[in-house]
Structures are given as C-alpha cells and as structure tokens.
Amino acid sequence: MAPARPGTMATALGGRGALRLRLLLSALKSGPRVPLARPAAAFGTSVTSTKVAVNGVHLHYQRTGEGEHAVLLLPGMLGSGETDFGPQIKNLNKKLFTVVAWDPRGYGHSRPPDRDFPGDFFERDAKDAVDLMKTLKFKKISLLGWSDGGITALIAAAKYPSYIHKIVIWGANAYVTEEDEMIYQGIRDVSKWSEKAKKPLETLYGYDYFAKTCEKWVDGIKQFKHLPDGNICRHLLPLVQCPTLIVHGEKDPLVPRFHADFIHQHVRGSRLHLMPEGKHNLHLRFANEFNKLVEDFLQ
C-alpha cells in the first residue's frame, strides 16, 4: 500500500484516529528522539563502550555503574543505546545499578549484519539480549524496554523467567490493529519527517540505511496484523511472572492507551503508571520523573 497522505489518513482513521495522527505528525516535526548522546567519555570514565560476540554477531553495548542490580536498556525501532537512553545512562544510580544499554543486531553499532525482520525478530532480540547479559556474566537482570524494546522485554520475561528479576516497559504493544497499521504507514517515508526528527538517525546510519530500514520495519511490524488477533506476544503475557511496571504517556501518538491496558490486564500483578503529559518518548522528555519512578520500582 502506498504511503497515505496526512489528509487521507486522517479521514480514514476517523475522529480519535485523526487526532492521534495529528499528534504523531506534530511529534515528528518536533523530533521523536533527543539528539545523539555525547561520546561515552562525556559521561565520565565509568562508561565503557565495546562489542562482544553473541549468537554469531558482534553486539555493541555501553556499560556504566557498579551496583549489584544489573539493568539492561532495550531501545525502540531503529534505536541504539546512544540515541534512546542518554538520560538513563547518565543519571540512573550508579551505586545501586550496573546499567547496560545495547544495540540490537542490525541497529546502532551492532552492524554488520544489516537489520532484517523475519517473523520471529522479537524472539531473536529477546534471546540475543539474554545471551548478551549471560556472556557478560550477570546472574540475573532487570529490563527497561521502550517501544519495540518493551515487546522484547515481555518476551524475554516470559521465556526466561528464572533470569529476569523485574521489567519496566513503555510504548509497547502485544498485538497490531488496523489503527496501528495506519499509524505505522504514516511514518514509513522518512523524507516526510522534519530535519530535526531525521538528523539523529541520519547521523547514526546515513540516510539510505535509515530510510531503507524504516520501510523494512514497517513491513516487519505489519506482518503481525495478518496473524490471528494481530498477535505479537499476547499469548506470552500470562507467562510473565516477574514484577512488571507498565508506564504509558497519555499523549502517546504512536501507541494508543488500549495497548497498555491490555498488557496490564494480562500480566498478573503488573502495575500501570500513567503520565498525563507523556508522549512516546516520555523517558527523555520527563527523564528525572521517569528515572525516579524506575529506581523506586527496581529497588
């Protein structure tokens, strides 16, 4: 399907969908991500940045802190540790936590290989994430997952319950609806993004890889729409045993509130925290509030 023009999409989506589309386009104009984090040295000598061989690829990660509680940060679509988690790498309590921010295979500096999206790409990321932390000799970990990273965190918690201590997720969904598909179509063509929105990812990838991979991501996420109930990981939610905090920005233009509610309803004992002014990147826009919420939950 050809990318829909904003006016066409708004009409097709109807009232609430049209409002969400306008919010989405507004978010793209203002930039969906903060600028690239400064080089690791700018955070102090306690941040290291390196690669390690895991499952046949070399995965890049940043590491900081000296705490006994190991926490892995899982980025969103096209994301990396440096683009997605600057305020967390810098400011999460380094005495309480050892923080690792990884680049999933094909993203950030975990290239080659180029990113692809087979039907099990979320399961592959979950296995890579767990095996990375086992390679780094962590005996048990907690996960902070944003957007796609939140889906990966849910799958990891369900499939590796003895290894996952706690998880925090935001901007995640367990299935894909027609409304979601229209939202994804609206961000497919990166040439329509503002310069401010494009710049961090162009800097990281170069324009061609950025544009091509965004299109491939849209196709990759849309494939779940054709499965029963649009299923990504909804069948795994009852298997999540660890304490789970779901954070949702009520002004998120990319992930409607019903996704957070569904995950909350199906992950036993989970907690849902709403941020009335939060959008998709609430952990960047409201970093201090978010970091405190996370630290309190993980302790």
Protein backbone atom coordinates (compact mmCIF):
# COMPACT_ATOMS: atom_id res chain seq x y z
CA MET A 1 0.00 0.00 0.00
CA ALA A 2 1.35 3.42 -0.94
CA PRO A 3 2.02 5.80 1.99
CA ALA A 4 -1.20 7.65 2.74
CA ARG A 5 -1.19 11.40 2.64
CA PRO A 6 -1.89 13.01 6.03
CA GLY A 7 -5.34 14.24 4.99
CA THR A 8 -6.31 10.86 3.58
CA MET A 9 -5.06 9.07 6.66
CA ALA A 10 -6.93 11.38 9.00
CA THR A 11 -10.19 10.73 7.17
CA ALA A 12 -9.64 7.00 7.17
CA LEU A 13 -8.81 6.89 10.84
CA GLY A 14 -11.89 8.79 11.99
CA GLY A 15 -12.20 11.13 14.96
CA ARG A 16 -9.85 9.70 17.59
CA GLY A 17 -7.52 8.29 14.97
CA ALA A 18 -7.32 11.64 13.17
CA LEU A 19 -6.41 13.37 16.42
CA ARG A 20 -3.75 10.77 17.09
CA LEU A 21 -2.37 11.22 13.57
CA ARG A 22 -2.13 14.99 14.06
CA LEU A 23 -0.28 14.37 17.32
CA LEU A 24 2.01 11.95 15.51
CA LEU A 25 2.85 14.40 12.76
CA SER A 26 3.40 17.08 15.39
CA ALA A 27 5.78 14.75 17.23
CA LEU A 28 7.74 14.13 14.04
CA LYS A 29 8.06 17.86 13.46
CA SER A 30 9.43 18.40 16.93
CA GLY A 31 11.61 15.30 16.73
CA PRO A 32 10.76 11.85 18.09
CA ARG A 33 14.14 11.43 19.73
CA VAL A 34 16.64 13.58 21.53
CA PRO A 35 19.92 14.31 19.72
CA LEU A 36 22.59 11.66 19.91
CA ALA A 37 24.08 11.30 23.35
CA ARG A 38 27.57 12.67 23.65
CA PRO A 39 30.51 10.25 23.38
CA ALA A 40 30.83 7.90 26.30
CA ALA A 41 33.75 9.86 27.74
CA ALA A 42 31.44 12.82 28.28
CA PHE A 43 29.51 10.80 30.85
CA GLY A 44 32.65 10.18 32.86
CA THR A 45 35.25 7.45 32.88
CA SER A 46 32.76 4.96 34.32
CA VAL A 47 31.07 4.43 30.93
CA THR A 48 32.58 1.82 28.63
CA SER A 49 31.58 1.11 25.05
CA THR A 50 32.53 -2.12 23.30
CA LYS A 51 31.36 -5.15 21.30
CA VAL A 52 31.10 -8.82 22.19
CA ALA A 53 30.32 -11.91 20.11
CA VAL A 54 26.83 -13.30 20.78
CA ASN A 55 24.86 -15.80 18.66
CA GLY A 56 27.01 -15.31 15.59
CA VAL A 57 27.03 -11.49 15.58
CA HIS A 58 29.00 -8.78 17.38
CA LEU A 59 26.68 -6.83 19.66
CA HIS A 60 27.59 -3.33 20.76
CA TYR A 61 26.79 -2.07 24.24
CA GLN A 62 27.56 0.68 26.70
CA ARG A 63 28.06 -0.11 30.37
CA THR A 64 28.11 2.08 33.44
CA GLY A 65 27.68 1.79 37.19
CA GLU A 66 28.91 -0.60 39.84
CA GLY A 67 25.71 -1.72 41.55
CA GLU A 68 24.79 -5.34 42.21
CA HIS A 69 21.49 -4.95 40.33
CA ALA A 70 22.11 -5.39 36.58
CA VAL A 71 19.72 -3.50 34.29
CA LEU A 72 19.58 -3.83 30.50
CA LEU A 73 18.11 -0.97 28.43
CA LEU A 74 16.31 -2.13 25.27
CA PRO A 75 15.80 0.53 22.56
CA GLY A 76 12.93 1.04 20.16
CA MET A 77 12.62 0.88 16.38
CA LEU A 78 15.92 1.90 14.69
CA GLY A 79 17.26 2.75 18.13
CA SER A 80 20.51 2.28 19.99
CA GLY A 81 21.79 2.95 23.46
CA GLU A 82 23.17 6.34 22.49
CA THR A 83 20.09 7.60 20.63
CA ASP A 84 17.48 6.26 23.02
CA PHE A 85 18.81 6.32 26.58
CA GLY A 86 21.16 9.26 27.17
CA PRO A 87 19.47 10.44 30.42
CA GLN A 88 19.30 6.89 31.78
CA ILE A 89 22.94 6.06 31.01
CA LYS A 90 23.99 9.32 32.60
CA ASN A 91 21.73 9.55 35.64
CA LEU A 92 20.46 6.17 36.83
CA ASN A 93 22.02 5.47 40.23
CA LYS A 94 25.46 4.03 39.54
CA LYS A 95 25.89 2.71 43.07
CA LEU A 96 22.65 0.73 43.02
CA PHE A 97 22.75 -0.45 39.41
CA THR A 98 25.06 -1.69 36.71
CA VAL A 99 23.41 -0.32 33.57
CA VAL A 100 23.95 -1.86 30.14
CA ALA A 101 22.49 -0.21 27.02
CA TRP A 102 22.67 -2.46 23.96
CA ASP A 103 22.23 -2.06 20.22
CA PRO A 104 20.17 -4.99 18.86
CA ARG A 105 21.60 -6.74 15.81
CA GLY A 106 21.43 -4.55 12.72
CA TYR A 107 20.85 -1.40 14.79
CA GLY A 108 23.28 1.22 16.04
CA HIS A 109 26.81 -0.13 16.09
CA SER A 110 25.75 -3.80 16.08
CA ARG A 111 26.42 -3.98 12.35
CA PRO A 112 27.05 -5.96 10.27
CA PRO A 113 24.65 -7.61 9.68
CA ASP A 114 22.04 -5.24 8.28
CA ARG A 115 18.77 -5.30 10.19
CA ASP A 116 16.09 -7.68 8.93
CA PHE A 117 12.62 -8.55 10.19
CA PRO A 118 11.76 -12.24 9.95
CA GLY A 119 8.58 -13.37 11.67
CA ASP A 120 10.47 -14.15 14.87
CA PHE A 121 12.59 -10.99 15.08
CA PHE A 122 11.28 -10.09 18.54
CA GLU A 123 12.08 -13.58 19.86
CA ARG A 124 15.53 -13.32 18.27
CA ASP A 125 16.12 -9.98 20.01
CA ALA A 126 14.98 -11.45 23.32
CA LYS A 127 17.42 -14.34 23.01
CA ASP A 128 20.23 -12.02 21.93
CA ALA A 129 19.55 -9.72 24.89
CA VAL A 130 19.55 -12.51 27.45
CA ASP A 131 22.60 -14.21 25.94
CA LEU A 132 24.46 -10.90 25.85
CA MET A 133 23.95 -10.42 29.59
CA LYS A 134 24.90 -14.04 30.29
CA THR A 135 28.06 -13.53 28.22
CA LEU A 136 28.82 -10.54 30.44
CA LYS A 137 28.46 -12.88 33.46
CA PHE A 138 25.36 -11.34 35.03
CA LYS A 139 23.48 -13.96 37.04
CA LYS A 140 20.09 -12.20 36.98
CA ILE A 141 18.90 -8.99 35.34
CA SER A 142 16.09 -6.47 35.09
CA LEU A 143 14.91 -4.99 31.80
CA LEU A 144 13.87 -1.48 30.76
CA GLY A 145 12.19 -1.71 27.36
CA TRP A 146 10.95 1.16 25.21
CA SER A 147 8.52 0.58 22.34
CA ASP A 148 9.89 -2.42 20.38
CA GLY A 149 12.24 -2.92 23.31
CA GLY A 150 9.21 -3.25 25.57
CA ILE A 151 7.87 -6.07 23.41
CA THR A 152 11.28 -7.73 23.55
CA ALA A 153 11.31 -7.35 27.35
CA LEU A 154 7.90 -9.02 27.69
CA ILE A 155 9.01 -11.96 25.54
CA ALA A 156 12.28 -12.31 27.47
CA ALA A 157 10.43 -12.27 30.79
CA ALA A 158 8.00 -14.94 29.57
CA LYS A 159 10.64 -17.21 28.01
CA TYR A 160 13.46 -16.81 30.54
CA PRO A 161 11.58 -16.37 33.83
CA SER A 162 14.38 -17.57 36.10
CA TYR A 163 16.78 -14.97 34.64
CA ILE A 164 14.59 -11.86 34.69
CA HIS A 165 14.18 -10.09 38.03
CA LYS A 166 11.87 -7.16 37.11
CA ILE A 167 10.80 -5.33 33.95
CA VAL A 168 9.72 -1.79 33.12
CA ILE A 169 8.07 -1.24 29.73
CA TRP A 170 6.59 1.79 27.98
CA GLY A 171 5.25 2.41 24.48
CA ALA A 172 4.82 -1.34 23.87
CA ASN A 173 2.03 -3.38 22.34
CA ALA A 174 1.22 -7.09 22.33
CA TYR A 175 -0.75 -7.09 19.06
CA VAL A 176 -1.34 -4.98 15.94
CA THR A 177 -4.69 -3.44 14.94
CA GLU A 178 -5.85 -1.68 11.78
CA GLU A 179 -5.44 1.63 13.61
CA ASP A 180 -1.83 0.72 14.45
CA GLU A 181 -1.19 -0.20 10.81
CA MET A 182 -2.32 3.24 9.67
CA ILE A 183 -0.07 4.90 12.26
CA TYR A 184 2.91 2.85 11.07
CA GLN A 185 2.18 3.74 7.46
CA GLY A 186 2.32 7.41 8.45
CA ILE A 187 5.99 7.17 9.44
CA ARG A 188 7.14 4.85 6.65
CA ASP A 189 8.56 7.57 4.38
CA VAL A 190 11.32 9.32 6.32
CA SER A 191 11.63 12.03 3.64
CA LYS A 192 8.41 13.45 5.12
CA TRP A 193 9.97 13.73 8.57
CA SER A 194 11.31 17.10 9.65
CA GLU A 195 15.06 17.71 9.55
CA LYS A 196 15.13 17.81 13.34
CA ALA A 197 13.47 14.40 13.51
CA LYS A 198 15.73 12.85 10.88
CA LYS A 199 19.08 14.23 11.97
CA PRO A 200 19.99 11.88 14.87
CA LEU A 201 19.22 8.75 12.89
CA GLU A 202 20.82 10.07 9.71
CA THR A 203 23.94 10.81 11.74
CA LEU A 204 23.96 7.29 13.13
CA TYR A 205 23.13 5.37 9.95
CA GLY A 206 23.45 7.57 6.89
CA TYR A 207 20.27 8.49 5.03
CA ASP A 208 19.99 5.42 2.79
CA TYR A 209 20.26 2.81 5.54
CA PHE A 210 17.97 4.85 7.80
CA ALA A 211 15.28 5.20 5.11
CA LYS A 212 15.51 1.60 3.91
CA THR A 213 15.42 0.16 7.42
CA CYS A 214 12.44 2.27 8.43
CA GLU A 215 10.49 0.88 5.46
CA LYS A 216 11.60 -2.65 6.35
CA TRP A 217 10.49 -2.11 9.95
CA VAL A 218 7.01 -1.01 8.86
CA ASP A 219 6.71 -4.13 6.71
CA GLY A 220 8.09 -6.22 9.56
CA ILE A 221 5.64 -4.97 12.18
CA LYS A 222 2.68 -5.09 9.77
CA GLN A 223 3.16 -8.84 9.23
CA PHE A 224 1.69 -9.45 12.70
CA LYS A 225 -1.55 -7.80 11.58
CA HIS A 226 -2.22 -10.85 9.42
CA LEU A 227 -1.86 -13.32 12.30
CA PRO A 228 -4.87 -14.31 14.44
CA ASP A 229 -5.81 -11.36 16.68
CA GLY A 230 -2.84 -9.44 15.25
CA ASN A 231 -0.73 -11.37 17.71
CA ILE A 232 2.84 -10.36 18.54
CA CYS A 233 3.20 -11.69 22.08
CA ARG A 234 -0.28 -11.62 23.65
CA HIS A 235 -0.12 -15.40 24.15
CA LEU A 236 3.01 -14.95 26.30
CA LEU A 237 1.69 -12.32 28.69
CA PRO A 238 0.22 -14.83 31.19
CA LEU A 239 3.70 -16.43 31.40
CA VAL A 240 5.34 -13.24 32.71
CA GLN A 241 5.99 -13.95 36.38
CA CYS A 242 8.28 -11.11 37.44
CA PRO A 243 7.18 -7.76 38.90
CA THR A 244 6.22 -5.58 35.94
CA LEU A 245 5.78 -1.82 35.70
CA ILE A 246 3.94 -0.50 32.64
CA VAL A 247 4.37 3.23 32.03
CA HIS A 248 2.15 4.95 29.50
CA GLY A 249 2.13 8.52 28.21
CA GLU A 250 -1.46 9.54 27.70
CA LYS A 251 -0.47 11.74 24.76
CA ASP A 252 1.48 8.97 23.00
CA PRO A 253 0.68 9.39 19.27
CA LEU A 254 2.23 6.06 18.28
CA VAL A 255 0.79 3.61 20.83
CA PRO A 256 -2.85 4.04 21.91
CA ARG A 257 -3.79 3.62 25.58
CA PHE A 258 -5.67 0.36 24.99
CA HIS A 259 -2.35 -1.43 24.44
CA ALA A 260 -1.07 -0.50 27.89
CA ASP A 261 -4.41 -1.52 29.42
CA PHE A 262 -4.32 -4.90 27.66
CA ILE A 263 -0.81 -5.69 28.88
CA HIS A 264 -1.77 -4.59 32.40
CA GLN A 265 -4.83 -6.84 32.36
CA HIS A 266 -2.93 -9.91 31.18
CA VAL A 267 0.36 -9.68 33.10
CA ARG A 268 -0.54 -10.90 36.56
CA GLY A 269 0.24 -8.43 39.34
CA SER A 270 1.54 -5.74 36.97
CA ARG A 271 1.35 -2.07 37.82
CA LEU A 272 0.23 0.63 35.37
CA HIS A 273 1.55 4.17 35.81
CA LEU A 274 0.07 6.91 33.61
CA MET A 275 1.88 10.12 32.72
CA PRO A 276 -0.79 12.64 31.60
CA GLU A 277 1.62 14.79 29.57
CA GLY A 278 3.82 11.93 28.40
CA LYS A 279 4.24 11.12 24.72
CA HIS A 280 6.10 8.20 23.18
CA ASN A 281 9.50 9.44 24.38
CA LEU A 282 8.36 10.16 27.94
CA HIS A 283 11.63 8.82 29.40
CA LEU A 284 13.51 11.56 27.55
CA ARG A 285 11.05 14.43 27.90
CA PHE A 286 10.43 13.72 31.60
CA ALA A 287 13.72 12.00 32.35
CA ASN A 288 14.02 12.94 36.04
CA GLU A 289 10.48 11.81 36.86
CA PHE A 290 10.91 8.63 34.85
CA ASN A 291 14.28 7.74 36.36
CA LYS A 292 12.96 8.17 39.91
CA LEU A 293 9.94 6.01 39.11
CA VAL A 294 12.22 3.30 37.74
CA GLU A 295 14.70 3.44 40.62
CA ASP A 296 11.91 3.18 43.19
CA PHE A 297 10.37 0.21 41.38
CA LEU A 298 13.63 -1.69 40.89
CA GLN A 299 14.79 -1.40 44.47
